[in-house]
């Protein structure tokens, strides 16, 4: 999967595919002067859970502000993670684990 990815846009495309495959609702908040600073790229919901995902490429990592926003989301009971081309498998494992856990309850 990672060999064909060459930008953050490619990582976002793969994240969208995974979210759709696992049936998560998601939206991508507007960045820039009309959006709130530091908000993750994806805000997702399934099973009443909030999942926030910050997409990165290469050696880029979340900024201090992005890390602070993710910490706030976690403190409020949500899940907040960052994903790059090398961590897509971790996202897929998380989605599969949550699906298995919450489908057992249903």
C-alpha atoms as a PDB file:
ATOM      1  CA  UNK A   1       0.000   0.000   0.000  1.00  0.00           C
ATOM      2  CA  UNK A   2       2.717   2.490   0.936  1.00  0.00           C
ATOM      3  CA  UNK A   3       4.793   2.093  -2.246  1.00  0.00           C
ATOM      4  CA  UNK A   4       2.299   4.094  -4.337  1.00  0.00           C
ATOM      5  CA  UNK A   5       1.817   6.890  -1.800  1.00  0.00           C
ATOM      6  CA  UNK A   6       3.822  10.038  -2.417  1.00  0.00           C
ATOM      7  CA  UNK A   7       1.957  12.830  -0.602  1.00  0.00           C
ATOM      8  CA  UNK A   8      -0.357  13.694   2.263  1.00  0.00           C
ATOM      9  CA  UNK A   9      -3.210  13.769  -0.247  1.00  0.00           C
ATOM     10  CA  UNK A  10      -2.493  10.101  -1.022  1.00  0.00           C
ATOM     11  CA  UNK A  11      -2.576   9.258   2.698  1.00  0.00           C
ATOM     12  CA  UNK A  12      -5.926  11.067   3.039  1.00  0.00           C
ATOM     13  CA  UNK A  13      -7.293   9.112   0.077  1.00  0.00           C
ATOM     14  CA  UNK A  14      -6.312   5.828   1.764  1.00  0.00           C
ATOM     15  CA  UNK A  15      -7.820   6.951   5.084  1.00  0.00           C
ATOM     16  CA  UNK A  16     -11.097   7.723   3.281  1.00  0.00           C
ATOM     17  CA  UNK A  17     -11.094   4.254   1.726  1.00  0.00           C
ATOM     18  CA  UNK A  18     -10.600   2.593   5.109  1.00  0.00           C
ATOM     19  CA  UNK A  19     -13.305   4.683   6.773  1.00  0.00           C
ATOM     20  CA  UNK A  20     -15.776   3.865   3.983  1.00  0.00           C
ATOM     21  CA  UNK A  21     -14.863   0.162   4.072  1.00  0.00           C
ATOM     22  CA  UNK A  22     -15.548  -0.016   7.809  1.00  0.00           C
ATOM     23  CA  UNK A  23     -18.729   2.095   7.609  1.00  0.00           C
ATOM     24  CA  UNK A  24     -17.630   5.202   9.530  1.00  0.00           C
ATOM     25  CA  UNK A  25     -19.310   8.562   9.046  1.00  0.00           C
ATOM     26  CA  UNK A  26     -16.652  11.235   8.558  1.00  0.00           C
ATOM     27  CA  UNK A  27     -16.152  14.801   7.472  1.00  0.00           C
ATOM     28  CA  UNK A  28     -13.106  16.924   6.876  1.00  0.00           C
ATOM     29  CA  UNK A  29     -13.314  20.278   8.682  1.00  0.00           C
ATOM     30  CA  UNK A  30     -12.436  23.353   6.671  1.00  0.00           C
ATOM     31  CA  UNK A  31      -8.902  24.563   7.251  1.00  0.00           C
ATOM     32  CA  UNK A  32      -7.778  28.161   6.956  1.00  0.00           C
ATOM     33  CA  UNK A  33      -9.198  31.424   8.217  1.00  0.00           C
ATOM     34  CA  UNK A  34     -12.764  30.086   8.576  1.00  0.00           C
ATOM     35  CA  UNK A  35     -11.853  26.888  10.433  1.00  0.00           C
ATOM     36  CA  UNK A  36     -10.567  26.299  13.947  1.00  0.00           C
ATOM     37  CA  UNK A  37      -6.792  25.923  14.129  1.00  0.00           C
ATOM     38  CA  UNK A  38      -5.289  22.568  14.973  1.00  0.00           C
ATOM     39  CA  UNK A  39      -8.423  20.492  14.341  1.00  0.00           C
ATOM     40  CA  UNK A  40      -7.575  17.044  12.897  1.00  0.00           C
ATOM     41  CA  UNK A  41      -8.146  16.381   9.197  1.00  0.00           C
ATOM     42  CA  UNK A  42     -10.945  13.833   9.786  1.00  0.00           C
ATOM     43  CA  UNK A  43     -13.739  13.866  12.344  1.00  0.00           C
ATOM     44  CA  UNK A  44     -15.411  10.457  12.371  1.00  0.00           C
ATOM     45  CA  UNK A  45     -18.243   8.719  14.192  1.00  0.00           C
ATOM     46  CA  UNK A  46     -19.515   5.159  14.555  1.00  0.00           C
ATOM     47  CA  UNK A  47     -21.055   3.307  17.500  1.00  0.00           C
ATOM     48  CA  UNK A  48     -21.407   6.682  19.229  1.00  0.00           C
ATOM     49  CA  UNK A  49     -17.615   6.991  19.302  1.00  0.00           C
ATOM     50  CA  UNK A  50     -15.708  10.017  18.085  1.00  0.00           C
ATOM     51  CA  UNK A  51     -12.521   9.323  16.158  1.00  0.00           C
ATOM     52  CA  UNK A  52     -10.295  12.203  15.048  1.00  0.00           C
ATOM     53  CA  UNK A  53      -7.498  11.527  12.562  1.00  0.00           C
ATOM     54  CA  UNK A  54      -4.633  13.834  11.619  1.00  0.00           C
ATOM     55  CA  UNK A  55      -3.026  12.811   8.309  1.00  0.00           C
ATOM     56  CA  UNK A  56       0.680  13.279   7.700  1.00  0.00           C
ATOM     57  CA  UNK A  57       3.212  12.172   5.111  1.00  0.00           C
ATOM     58  CA  UNK A  58       6.818  11.110   5.464  1.00  0.00           C
ATOM     59  CA  UNK A  59       8.615  12.299   8.571  1.00  0.00           C
ATOM     60  CA  UNK A  60       6.044  15.029   9.297  1.00  0.00           C
ATOM     61  CA  UNK A  61       4.391  14.818  12.700  1.00  0.00           C
ATOM     62  CA  UNK A  62       1.517  16.770  14.255  1.00  0.00           C
ATOM     63  CA  UNK A  63       2.331  20.323  15.295  1.00  0.00           C
ATOM     64  CA  UNK A  64       2.193  21.328  18.950  1.00  0.00           C
ATOM     65  CA  UNK A  65      -1.252  22.848  18.383  1.00  0.00           C
ATOM     66  CA  UNK A  66      -2.509  19.703  16.643  1.00  0.00           C
ATOM     67  CA  UNK A  67      -1.164  17.578  19.495  1.00  0.00           C
ATOM     68  CA  UNK A  68      -2.942  19.839  21.995  1.00  0.00           C
ATOM     69  CA  UNK A  69      -6.259  19.495  20.117  1.00  0.00           C
ATOM     70  CA  UNK A  70      -5.853  15.702  20.030  1.00  0.00           C
ATOM     71  CA  UNK A  71      -5.167  15.717  23.770  1.00  0.00           C
ATOM     72  CA  UNK A  72      -8.380  17.729  24.308  1.00  0.00           C
ATOM     73  CA  UNK A  73     -10.364  15.230  22.225  1.00  0.00           C
ATOM     74  CA  UNK A  74      -8.972  12.333  24.269  1.00  0.00           C
ATOM     75  CA  UNK A  75      -9.782  14.154  27.526  1.00  0.00           C
ATOM     76  CA  UNK A  76     -13.394  14.488  26.310  1.00  0.00           C
ATOM     77  CA  UNK A  77     -13.609  10.723  25.720  1.00  0.00           C
ATOM     78  CA  UNK A  78     -12.827  10.620  21.996  1.00  0.00           C
ATOM     79  CA  UNK A  79     -10.092   8.778  20.144  1.00  0.00           C
ATOM     80  CA  UNK A  80      -7.488  10.978  18.448  1.00  0.00           C
ATOM     81  CA  UNK A  81      -4.606   9.622  16.364  1.00  0.00           C
ATOM     82  CA  UNK A  82      -2.254  10.650  13.604  1.00  0.00           C
ATOM     83  CA  UNK A  83      -1.620   8.480  10.572  1.00  0.00           C
ATOM     84  CA  UNK A  84       1.027   8.544   7.861  1.00  0.00           C
ATOM     85  CA  UNK A  85       1.720   6.132   5.006  1.00  0.00           C
ATOM     86  CA  UNK A  86       3.562   3.777   7.385  1.00  0.00           C
ATOM     87  CA  UNK A  87       0.774   3.750   9.981  1.00  0.00           C
ATOM     88  CA  UNK A  88      -2.225   2.966   7.746  1.00  0.00           C
ATOM     89  CA  UNK A  89      -2.184  -0.649   8.933  1.00  0.00           C
ATOM     90  CA  UNK A  90      -2.563   0.612  12.507  1.00  0.00           C
ATOM     91  CA  UNK A  91      -5.675   2.523  11.486  1.00  0.00           C
ATOM     92  CA  UNK A  92      -7.107  -0.560   9.809  1.00  0.00           C
ATOM     93  CA  UNK A  93      -6.409  -2.646  12.931  1.00  0.00           C
ATOM     94  CA  UNK A  94      -8.072  -0.006  15.131  1.00  0.00           C
ATOM     95  CA  UNK A  95     -11.172   0.099  12.925  1.00  0.00           C
ATOM     96  CA  UNK A  96     -11.365  -3.705  12.839  1.00  0.00           C
ATOM     97  CA  UNK A  97     -10.947  -3.946  16.613  1.00  0.00           C
ATOM     98  CA  UNK A  98     -13.651  -1.353  17.289  1.00  0.00           C
ATOM     99  CA  UNK A  99     -15.977  -3.044  14.798  1.00  0.00           C
ATOM    100  CA  UNK A 100     -15.470  -6.436  16.446  1.00  0.00           C
ATOM    101  CA  UNK A 101     -15.884  -5.033  19.976  1.00  0.00           C
ATOM    102  CA  UNK A 102     -19.044  -3.047  19.290  1.00  0.00           C
ATOM    103  CA  UNK A 103     -20.678  -5.616  17.024  1.00  0.00           C
ATOM    104  CA  UNK A 104     -20.334  -8.194  19.817  1.00  0.00           C
ATOM    105  CA  UNK A 105     -22.414  -5.907  22.042  1.00  0.00           C
ATOM    106  CA  UNK A 106     -25.178  -5.489  19.465  1.00  0.00           C
END
